[in-house]
Amino acid sequence: MKPRTNSFWKIIRVSILLLILLIVLINNWRDQNQNWNQPIVVMLHPINADGQPSTDQYIQHLRLSQFIEIKTYLEQQSANYRQPIFVMMKLGRTLNAKPPRVPEESSILKVMWWSLKFRFYAWQQRKSEDQHASVTLYLNYYDPQYINQLKHSTALEKGRIGSVNLFASKKQDPQNNIVLTHELLHAFGATDKYNLQTGQPIYPIGYAKPEQQPRYPQKQAELMAGKIPVSDDQNKMPESLKNTRINRLTAQEVGWLN
C-alpha cells in the first residue's frame, strides 16, 4: 500500500503546482502592445549564480551608473524612428534563489514547463519594489576566471521577465550591457536575427547596414543579431552598445513603428 500512497501524494503535489503555475501564468499575461508613451521601468536583480566569493564582491560593488548606458542607448535608438521614450533603470535587491535553468533540449513540452516554472519563480521573488516595473530581469553573474563561456540568456514577452547570464567583471561590463539590452528587447517582442545553429547574422535583417557596398566588413551589429558580420560566414563581437544599432524590423517588432 505504501507505493500507492506515495504515488497518490505525488499526483496531489504536481496538481497543486500546476494550479499555482496556471494562476501565475494568468496573472502575468500582458498586452503585447507596449505603450511607449509611458515611462519604461526596468528592474534589475543581481544573483550570485556560481557562488564564488569574487562574484559576491562584484555584485556588492554594482552601481546603477553601470547600466545608464542602456537607458541612453534605447532613448537614442527610438528617436531614430520618431518614437520618444523614457527609460528608468532600477537596481533592485540581490537575490539568493536562482531562476530555473533553460532546458538544453528544445522540445515544446520542456520549454513550456520551464516557462511556467520561470513565471512561478518570478512570482515568488516579487516584492513591493517590483510592482511598477515594466520588465524585470534577473542577472545571473559568473566569475570569468571559473567559467569562460556562458549559456544563452532568455526573456519572455508574456510576463516581461528575463534570465540574463553575465560575467562578474568590470572589463566585461560593456558587453554585459549588450546582452542585457538584447534580452530586454526580447521582453518587448523583438526576435533574434542570427542563425541559431551557426550564430551568423542573417542577411539582410541581421545587418546594421545591409545596403552597404561593399557589404563587408560591417562596422556595427544589429542588436538582435548580436554580432558584427565581417564575411558571409565570419563575425565578431561588438565591444559595446556604441557598436550596435536597432534596425527597422526590430523597431517594428517592439512597437516603435507601425
C-alpha atoms as a PDB file:
ATOM      1  CA  MET A   1       0.000   0.000   0.000  1.00  0.00           C
ATOM      2  CA  LYS A   2       2.890   2.384   0.630  1.00  0.00           C
ATOM      3  CA  PRO A   3       3.888   2.787  -3.073  1.00  0.00           C
ATOM      4  CA  ARG A   4       0.276   3.629  -3.906  1.00  0.00           C
ATOM      5  CA  THR A   5       0.172   6.201  -1.107  1.00  0.00           C
ATOM      6  CA  ASN A   6       3.378   7.840  -2.312  1.00  0.00           C
ATOM      7  CA  SER A   7       2.059   7.906  -5.867  1.00  0.00           C
ATOM      8  CA  PHE A   8      -1.202   9.482  -4.700  1.00  0.00           C
ATOM      9  CA  TRP A   9       0.534  12.292  -2.822  1.00  0.00           C
ATOM     10  CA  LYS A  10       2.901  12.877  -5.749  1.00  0.00           C
ATOM     11  CA  ILE A  11      -0.104  13.394  -8.026  1.00  0.00           C
ATOM     12  CA  ILE A  12      -1.608  15.801  -5.487  1.00  0.00           C
ATOM     13  CA  ARG A  13       1.643  17.812  -5.232  1.00  0.00           C
ATOM     14  CA  VAL A  14       2.031  18.027  -9.005  1.00  0.00           C
ATOM     15  CA  SER A  15      -1.633  19.034  -9.394  1.00  0.00           C
ATOM     16  CA  ILE A  16      -1.264  21.793  -6.809  1.00  0.00           C
ATOM     17  CA  LEU A  17       1.908  23.035  -8.507  1.00  0.00           C
ATOM     18  CA  LEU A  18       0.204  23.071 -11.897  1.00  0.00           C
ATOM     19  CA  LEU A  19      -2.725  25.011 -10.429  1.00  0.00           C
ATOM     20  CA  ILE A  20      -0.384  27.573  -8.868  1.00  0.00           C
ATOM     21  CA  LEU A  21       1.573  27.910 -12.098  1.00  0.00           C
ATOM     22  CA  LEU A  22      -1.662  28.377 -14.044  1.00  0.00           C
ATOM     23  CA  ILE A  23      -2.647  31.216 -11.712  1.00  0.00           C
ATOM     24  CA  VAL A  24       0.786  32.779 -12.146  1.00  0.00           C
ATOM     25  CA  LEU A  25       0.512  32.439 -15.921  1.00  0.00           C
ATOM     26  CA  ILE A  26      -2.861  34.172 -15.962  1.00  0.00           C
ATOM     27  CA  ASN A  27      -1.650  36.951 -13.658  1.00  0.00           C
ATOM     28  CA  ASN A  28       1.422  37.560 -15.805  1.00  0.00           C
ATOM     29  CA  TRP A  29      -0.422  37.609 -19.124  1.00  0.00           C
ATOM     30  CA  ARG A  30       0.060  41.096 -20.513  1.00  0.00           C
ATOM     31  CA  ASP A  31      -0.873  43.075 -23.572  1.00  0.00           C
ATOM     32  CA  GLN A  32       1.788  42.600 -26.261  1.00  0.00           C
ATOM     33  CA  ASN A  33       1.464  46.219 -27.367  1.00  0.00           C
ATOM     34  CA  GLN A  34       3.673  48.256 -25.059  1.00  0.00           C
ATOM     35  CA  ASN A  35       2.603  51.854 -24.534  1.00  0.00           C
ATOM     36  CA  TRP A  36       5.912  53.615 -25.188  1.00  0.00           C
ATOM     37  CA  ASN A  37       4.377  56.940 -24.210  1.00  0.00           C
ATOM     38  CA  GLN A  38       4.527  55.751 -20.603  1.00  0.00           C
ATOM     39  CA  PRO A  39       7.845  55.541 -18.678  1.00  0.00           C
ATOM     40  CA  ILE A  40       9.567  52.171 -19.091  1.00  0.00           C
ATOM     41  CA  VAL A  41      10.790  50.915 -15.712  1.00  0.00           C
ATOM     42  CA  VAL A  42      13.478  48.231 -15.949  1.00  0.00           C
ATOM     43  CA  MET A  43      14.094  46.376 -12.673  1.00  0.00           C
ATOM     44  CA  LEU A  44      17.428  44.546 -12.350  1.00  0.00           C
ATOM     45  CA  HIS A  45      18.002  41.878  -9.701  1.00  0.00           C
ATOM     46  CA  PRO A  46      21.606  40.577  -9.431  1.00  0.00           C
ATOM     47  CA  ILE A  47      22.255  36.956  -8.452  1.00  0.00           C
ATOM     48  CA  ASN A  48      25.492  35.228  -7.478  1.00  0.00           C
ATOM     49  CA  ALA A  49      24.951  32.319  -9.871  1.00  0.00           C
ATOM     50  CA  ASP A  50      28.245  30.497  -9.331  1.00  0.00           C
ATOM     51  CA  GLY A  51      28.512  31.003  -5.563  1.00  0.00           C
ATOM     52  CA  GLN A  52      32.042  32.395  -5.785  1.00  0.00           C
ATOM     53  CA  PRO A  53      33.173  34.998  -3.196  1.00  0.00           C
ATOM     54  CA  SER A  54      34.651  37.053  -6.067  1.00  0.00           C
ATOM     55  CA  THR A  55      31.237  37.149  -7.740  1.00  0.00           C
ATOM     56  CA  ASP A  56      29.651  38.235  -4.472  1.00  0.00           C
ATOM     57  CA  GLN A  57      32.199  41.032  -4.177  1.00  0.00           C
ATOM     58  CA  TYR A  58      31.491  42.191  -7.730  1.00  0.00           C
ATOM     59  CA  ILE A  59      27.744  42.307  -7.016  1.00  0.00           C
ATOM     60  CA  GLN A  60      28.308  44.290  -3.822  1.00  0.00           C
ATOM     61  CA  HIS A  61      30.060  46.976  -5.882  1.00  0.00           C
ATOM     62  CA  LEU A  62      27.402  47.162  -8.596  1.00  0.00           C
ATOM     63  CA  ARG A  63      26.088  50.670  -9.164  1.00  0.00           C
ATOM     64  CA  LEU A  64      23.154  51.934 -11.180  1.00  0.00           C
ATOM     65  CA  SER A  65      25.564  54.089 -13.201  1.00  0.00           C
ATOM     66  CA  GLN A  66      26.893  50.901 -14.855  1.00  0.00           C
ATOM     67  CA  PHE A  67      23.521  50.456 -16.582  1.00  0.00           C
ATOM     68  CA  ILE A  68      22.716  54.054 -17.551  1.00  0.00           C
ATOM     69  CA  GLU A  69      24.303  53.401 -20.959  1.00  0.00           C
ATOM     70  CA  ILE A  70      21.310  51.153 -21.706  1.00  0.00           C
ATOM     71  CA  LYS A  71      18.833  53.931 -20.953  1.00  0.00           C
ATOM     72  CA  THR A  72      20.696  56.402 -23.178  1.00  0.00           C
ATOM     73  CA  TYR A  73      21.050  53.870 -25.985  1.00  0.00           C
ATOM     74  CA  LEU A  74      17.362  52.938 -26.087  1.00  0.00           C
ATOM     75  CA  GLU A  75      16.213  56.547 -25.965  1.00  0.00           C
ATOM     76  CA  GLN A  76      18.579  57.489 -28.792  1.00  0.00           C
ATOM     77  CA  GLN A  77      17.661  54.486 -30.942  1.00  0.00           C
ATOM     78  CA  SER A  78      13.923  55.039 -30.537  1.00  0.00           C
ATOM     79  CA  ALA A  79      14.380  58.679 -31.534  1.00  0.00           C
ATOM     80  CA  ASN A  80      15.650  57.423 -34.912  1.00  0.00           C
ATOM     81  CA  TYR A  81      12.103  56.189 -35.509  1.00  0.00           C
ATOM     82  CA  ARG A  82      10.418  59.294 -34.111  1.00  0.00           C
ATOM     83  CA  GLN A  83       9.239  57.412 -31.055  1.00  0.00           C
ATOM     84  CA  PRO A  84      10.384  59.281 -27.961  1.00  0.00           C
ATOM     85  CA  ILE A  85      10.615  57.035 -24.911  1.00  0.00           C
ATOM     86  CA  PHE A  86      11.693  57.482 -21.308  1.00  0.00           C
ATOM     87  CA  VAL A  87      13.550  54.589 -19.667  1.00  0.00           C
ATOM     88  CA  MET A  88      14.156  54.253 -15.930  1.00  0.00           C
ATOM     89  CA  MET A  89      16.768  51.709 -14.835  1.00  0.00           C
ATOM     90  CA  LYS A  90      16.442  50.431 -11.268  1.00  0.00           C
ATOM     91  CA  LEU A  91      18.922  48.247  -9.416  1.00  0.00           C
ATOM     92  CA  GLY A  92      16.908  46.014  -7.113  1.00  0.00           C
ATOM     93  CA  ARG A  93      17.881  43.779  -4.247  1.00  0.00           C
ATOM     94  CA  THR A  94      20.303  40.887  -4.630  1.00  0.00           C
ATOM     95  CA  LEU A  95      18.514  37.539  -4.744  1.00  0.00           C
ATOM     96  CA  ASN A  96      19.676  34.210  -3.363  1.00  0.00           C
ATOM     97  CA  ALA A  97      17.406  31.922  -5.369  1.00  0.00           C
ATOM     98  CA  LYS A  98      18.428  31.309  -8.980  1.00  0.00           C
ATOM     99  CA  PRO A  99      15.924  31.185 -11.862  1.00  0.00           C
ATOM    100  CA  PRO A 100      15.177  27.723 -13.278  1.00  0.00           C
ATOM    101  CA  ARG A 101      17.678  26.649 -15.909  1.00  0.00           C
ATOM    102  CA  VAL A 102      16.630  26.844 -19.529  1.00  0.00           C
ATOM    103  CA  PRO A 103      16.263  23.286 -20.926  1.00  0.00           C
ATOM    104  CA  GLU A 104      19.046  22.310 -23.304  1.00  0.00           C
ATOM    105  CA  GLU A 105      16.619  20.214 -25.329  1.00  0.00           C
ATOM    106  CA  SER A 106      14.207  22.353 -27.325  1.00  0.00           C
ATOM    107  CA  SER A 107      11.155  20.103 -27.012  1.00  0.00           C
ATOM    108  CA  ILE A 108       7.913  22.056 -26.802  1.00  0.00           C
ATOM    109  CA  LEU A 109       6.789  20.380 -23.577  1.00  0.00           C
ATOM    110  CA  LYS A 110      10.083  21.019 -21.781  1.00  0.00           C
ATOM    111  CA  VAL A 111      10.141  24.653 -22.891  1.00  0.00           C
ATOM    112  CA  MET A 112       6.536  25.149 -21.787  1.00  0.00           C
ATOM    113  CA  TRP A 113       7.243  23.541 -18.410  1.00  0.00           C
ATOM    114  CA  TRP A 114      10.332  25.701 -17.939  1.00  0.00           C
ATOM    115  CA  SER A 115       8.318  28.796 -18.913  1.00  0.00           C
ATOM    116  CA  LEU A 116       5.739  28.029 -16.228  1.00  0.00           C
ATOM    117  CA  LYS A 117       8.425  27.393 -13.622  1.00  0.00           C
ATOM    118  CA  PHE A 118      10.148  30.671 -14.538  1.00  0.00           C
ATOM    119  CA  ARG A 119       6.919  32.612 -14.124  1.00  0.00           C
ATOM    120  CA  PHE A 120       6.341  30.906 -10.788  1.00  0.00           C
ATOM    121  CA  TYR A 121       9.886  31.825  -9.745  1.00  0.00           C
ATOM    122  CA  ALA A 122       9.270  35.483 -10.697  1.00  0.00           C
ATOM    123  CA  TRP A 123       6.024  35.471  -8.725  1.00  0.00           C
ATOM    124  CA  GLN A 124       7.861  34.076  -5.670  1.00  0.00           C
ATOM    125  CA  GLN A 125      10.526  36.807  -5.846  1.00  0.00           C
ATOM    126  CA  ARG A 126       8.078  39.656  -6.359  1.00  0.00           C
ATOM    127  CA  LYS A 127       8.106  42.362  -3.679  1.00  0.00           C
ATOM    128  CA  SER A 128       6.661  45.858  -3.410  1.00  0.00           C
ATOM    129  CA  GLU A 129       9.641  47.383  -5.267  1.00  0.00           C
ATOM    130  CA  ASP A 130       8.778  45.261  -8.329  1.00  0.00           C
ATOM    131  CA  GLN A 131       5.136  46.268  -8.619  1.00  0.00           C
ATOM    132  CA  HIS A 132       5.635  49.151 -11.029  1.00  0.00           C
ATOM    133  CA  ALA A 133       8.328  47.539 -13.201  1.00  0.00           C
ATOM    134  CA  SER A 134       7.611  47.317 -16.924  1.00  0.00           C
ATOM    135  CA  VAL A 135      10.101  44.475 -17.184  1.00  0.00           C
ATOM    136  CA  THR A 136      12.135  42.534 -14.608  1.00  0.00           C
ATOM    137  CA  LEU A 137      15.496  40.995 -15.456  1.00  0.00           C
ATOM    138  CA  TYR A 138      17.314  38.510 -13.230  1.00  0.00           C
ATOM    139  CA  LEU A 139      21.054  38.978 -13.721  1.00  0.00           C
ATOM    140  CA  ASN A 140      22.972  35.740 -13.178  1.00  0.00           C
ATOM    141  CA  TYR A 141      26.618  36.652 -12.610  1.00  0.00           C
ATOM    142  CA  TYR A 142      29.577  34.288 -13.106  1.00  0.00           C
ATOM    143  CA  ASP A 143      33.272  34.879 -12.447  1.00  0.00           C
ATOM    144  CA  PRO A 144      35.087  34.529 -15.812  1.00  0.00           C
ATOM    145  CA  GLN A 145      38.081  33.004 -14.004  1.00  0.00           C
ATOM    146  CA  TYR A 146      35.967  29.888 -13.414  1.00  0.00           C
ATOM    147  CA  ILE A 147      33.527  29.969 -16.343  1.00  0.00           C
ATOM    148  CA  ASN A 148      34.703  31.284 -19.716  1.00  0.00           C
ATOM    149  CA  GLN A 149      31.551  30.607 -21.721  1.00  0.00           C
ATOM    150  CA  LEU A 150      28.018  31.445 -20.667  1.00  0.00           C
ATOM    151  CA  LYS A 151      24.836  29.662 -21.635  1.00  0.00           C
ATOM    152  CA  HIS A 152      22.247  31.567 -23.632  1.00  0.00           C
ATOM    153  CA  SER A 153      20.160  34.139 -21.818  1.00  0.00           C
ATOM    154  CA  THR A 154      16.438  34.325 -22.402  1.00  0.00           C
ATOM    155  CA  ALA A 155      13.423  36.570 -21.851  1.00  0.00           C
ATOM    156  CA  LEU A 156       9.668  36.109 -22.070  1.00  0.00           C
ATOM    157  CA  GLU A 157       7.351  38.645 -23.636  1.00  0.00           C
ATOM    158  CA  LYS A 158       4.425  37.220 -21.680  1.00  0.00           C
ATOM    159  CA  GLY A 159       5.164  38.370 -18.156  1.00  0.00           C
ATOM    160  CA  ARG A 160       8.034  40.655 -19.237  1.00  0.00           C
ATOM    161  CA  ILE A 161      10.734  38.749 -17.368  1.00  0.00           C
ATOM    162  CA  GLY A 162      14.218  37.630 -18.357  1.00  0.00           C
ATOM    163  CA  SER A 163      17.074  35.490 -17.079  1.00  0.00           C
ATOM    164  CA  VAL A 164      20.351  37.055 -18.221  1.00  0.00           C
ATOM    165  CA  ASN A 165      23.745  35.366 -17.867  1.00  0.00           C
ATOM    166  CA  LEU A 166      26.603  37.836 -17.387  1.00  0.00           C
ATOM    167  CA  PHE A 167      30.256  37.945 -16.374  1.00  0.00           C
ATOM    168  CA  ALA A 168      31.175  39.338 -12.951  1.00  0.00           C
ATOM    169  CA  SER A 169      33.949  41.516 -14.339  1.00  0.00           C
ATOM    170  CA  LYS A 170      34.299  45.261 -14.813  1.00  0.00           C
ATOM    171  CA  LYS A 171      36.095  44.617 -18.107  1.00  0.00           C
ATOM    172  CA  GLN A 172      33.014  42.771 -19.338  1.00  0.00           C
ATOM    173  CA  ASP A 173      30.532  45.491 -18.355  1.00  0.00           C
ATOM    174  CA  PRO A 174      30.223  46.970 -21.893  1.00  0.00           C
ATOM    175  CA  GLN A 175      29.452  43.571 -23.449  1.00  0.00           C
ATOM    176  CA  ASN A 176      27.231  42.671 -20.492  1.00  0.00           C
ATOM    177  CA  ASN A 177      25.129  45.692 -21.391  1.00  0.00           C
ATOM    178  CA  ILE A 178      24.784  44.431 -24.969  1.00  0.00           C
ATOM    179  CA  VAL A 179      23.450  41.084 -23.743  1.00  0.00           C
ATOM    180  CA  LEU A 180      21.184  42.780 -21.223  1.00  0.00           C
ATOM    181  CA  THR A 181      19.705  45.157 -23.806  1.00  0.00           C
ATOM    182  CA  HIS A 182      19.252  42.307 -26.289  1.00  0.00           C
ATOM    183  CA  GLU A 183      17.198  40.356 -23.736  1.00  0.00           C
ATOM    184  CA  LEU A 184      15.319  43.478 -22.692  1.00  0.00           C
ATOM    185  CA  LEU A 185      14.050  43.907 -26.254  1.00  0.00           C
ATOM    186  CA  HIS A 186      13.089  40.217 -26.375  1.00  0.00           C
ATOM    187  CA  ALA A 187      10.745  41.004 -23.484  1.00  0.00           C
ATOM    188  CA  PHE A 188       9.074  43.616 -25.704  1.00  0.00           C
ATOM    189  CA  GLY A 189       8.665  41.293 -28.679  1.00  0.00           C
ATOM    190  CA  ALA A 190      11.917  41.573 -30.649  1.00  0.00           C
ATOM    191  CA  THR A 191      13.106  38.367 -32.328  1.00  0.00           C
ATOM    192  CA  ASP A 192      16.618  37.003 -32.845  1.00  0.00           C
ATOM    193  CA  LYS A 193      18.196  37.820 -36.194  1.00  0.00           C
ATOM    194  CA  TYR A 194      21.015  35.316 -36.331  1.00  0.00           C
ATOM    195  CA  ASN A 195      21.275  31.703 -37.446  1.00  0.00           C
ATOM    196  CA  LEU A 196      20.567  29.599 -34.347  1.00  0.00           C
ATOM    197  CA  GLN A 197      22.968  26.876 -35.490  1.00  0.00           C
ATOM    198  CA  THR A 198      25.951  28.990 -36.534  1.00  0.00           C
ATOM    199  CA  GLY A 199      25.414  32.306 -34.713  1.00  0.00           C
ATOM    200  CA  GLN A 200      25.972  34.151 -38.006  1.00  0.00           C
ATOM    201  CA  PRO A 201      23.797  37.264 -38.525  1.00  0.00           C
ATOM    202  CA  ILE A 202      21.066  36.698 -41.118  1.00  0.00           C
ATOM    203  CA  TYR A 203      21.228  38.883 -44.222  1.00  0.00           C
ATOM    204  CA  PRO A 204      19.613  41.390 -44.551  1.00  0.00           C
ATOM    205  CA  ILE A 205      17.607  41.544 -41.290  1.00  0.00           C
ATOM    206  CA  GLY A 206      20.616  40.888 -39.045  1.00  0.00           C
ATOM    207  CA  TYR A 207      22.865  43.535 -40.595  1.00  0.00           C
ATOM    208  CA  ALA A 208      23.296  47.066 -39.293  1.00  0.00           C
ATOM    209  CA  LYS A 209      23.694  48.376 -42.863  1.00  0.00           C
ATOM    210  CA  PRO A 210      22.526  45.721 -45.319  1.00  0.00           C
ATOM    211  CA  GLU A 211      22.645  48.244 -48.191  1.00  0.00           C
ATOM    212  CA  GLN A 212      26.357  48.943 -47.670  1.00  0.00           C
ATOM    213  CA  GLN A 213      28.633  48.443 -50.700  1.00  0.00           C
ATOM    214  CA  PRO A 214      30.832  46.549 -50.499  1.00  0.00           C
ATOM    215  CA  ARG A 215      28.817  44.572 -47.956  1.00  0.00           C
ATOM    216  CA  TYR A 216      31.842  43.655 -45.825  1.00  0.00           C
ATOM    217  CA  PRO A 217      33.159  44.386 -43.391  1.00  0.00           C
ATOM    218  CA  GLN A 218      30.227  45.783 -41.454  1.00  0.00           C
ATOM    219  CA  LYS A 219      31.222  48.210 -38.701  1.00  0.00           C
ATOM    220  CA  GLN A 220      28.242  47.682 -36.401  1.00  0.00           C
ATOM    221  CA  ALA A 221      25.991  44.865 -35.272  1.00  0.00           C
ATOM    222  CA  GLU A 222      22.231  44.818 -35.423  1.00  0.00           C
ATOM    223  CA  LEU A 223      21.376  44.448 -31.740  1.00  0.00           C
ATOM    224  CA  MET A 224      19.157  41.378 -32.141  1.00  0.00           C
ATOM    225  CA  ALA A 225      21.795  39.672 -34.306  1.00  0.00           C
ATOM    226  CA  GLY A 226      24.401  40.330 -31.626  1.00  0.00           C
ATOM    227  CA  LYS A 227      27.479  40.012 -33.864  1.00  0.00           C
ATOM    228  CA  ILE A 228      29.208  42.137 -36.496  1.00  0.00           C
ATOM    229  CA  PRO A 229      29.384  40.195 -39.801  1.00  0.00           C
ATOM    230  CA  VAL A 230      32.814  40.523 -41.423  1.00  0.00           C
ATOM    231  CA  SER A 231      32.142  37.984 -44.205  1.00  0.00           C
ATOM    232  CA  ASP A 232      29.423  35.541 -45.279  1.00  0.00           C
ATOM    233  CA  ASP A 233      30.471  33.078 -42.584  1.00  0.00           C
ATOM    234  CA  GLN A 234      32.542  35.067 -40.073  1.00  0.00           C
ATOM    235  CA  ASN A 235      31.623  37.559 -37.379  1.00  0.00           C
ATOM    236  CA  LYS A 236      32.990  39.305 -34.317  1.00  0.00           C
ATOM    237  CA  MET A 237      31.603  40.564 -31.030  1.00  0.00           C
ATOM    238  CA  PRO A 238      30.846  44.291 -30.758  1.00  0.00           C
ATOM    239  CA  GLU A 239      32.826  45.965 -27.992  1.00  0.00           C
ATOM    240  CA  SER A 240      29.924  47.986 -26.620  1.00  0.00           C
ATOM    241  CA  LEU A 241      26.421  49.239 -27.402  1.00  0.00           C
ATOM    242  CA  LYS A 242      28.044  52.034 -29.415  1.00  0.00           C
ATOM    243  CA  ASN A 243      28.959  49.360 -31.961  1.00  0.00           C
ATOM    244  CA  THR A 244      25.336  48.273 -32.395  1.00  0.00           C
ATOM    245  CA  ARG A 245      22.109  49.670 -33.774  1.00  0.00           C
ATOM    246  CA  ILE A 246      18.430  48.749 -33.909  1.00  0.00           C
ATOM    247  CA  ASN A 247      17.134  48.226 -37.433  1.00  0.00           C
ATOM    248  CA  ARG A 248      13.691  48.889 -38.833  1.00  0.00           C
ATOM    249  CA  LEU A 249      12.328  45.357 -38.400  1.00  0.00           C
ATOM    250  CA  THR A 250      13.283  45.248 -34.727  1.00  0.00           C
ATOM    251  CA  ALA A 251      11.765  48.714 -34.258  1.00  0.00           C
ATOM    252  CA  GLN A 252       8.525  47.408 -35.766  1.00  0.00           C
ATOM    253  CA  GLU A 253       8.525  44.315 -33.551  1.00  0.00           C
ATOM    254  CA  VAL A 254       8.797  46.319 -30.340  1.00  0.00           C
ATOM    255  CA  GLY A 255       6.207  48.873 -31.450  1.00  0.00           C
ATOM    256  CA  TRP A 256       8.298  51.900 -32.384  1.00  0.00           C
ATOM    257  CA  LEU A 257       6.914  51.728 -35.935  1.00  0.00           C
ATOM    258  CA  ASN A 258       3.515  50.762 -37.297  1.00  0.00           C
END
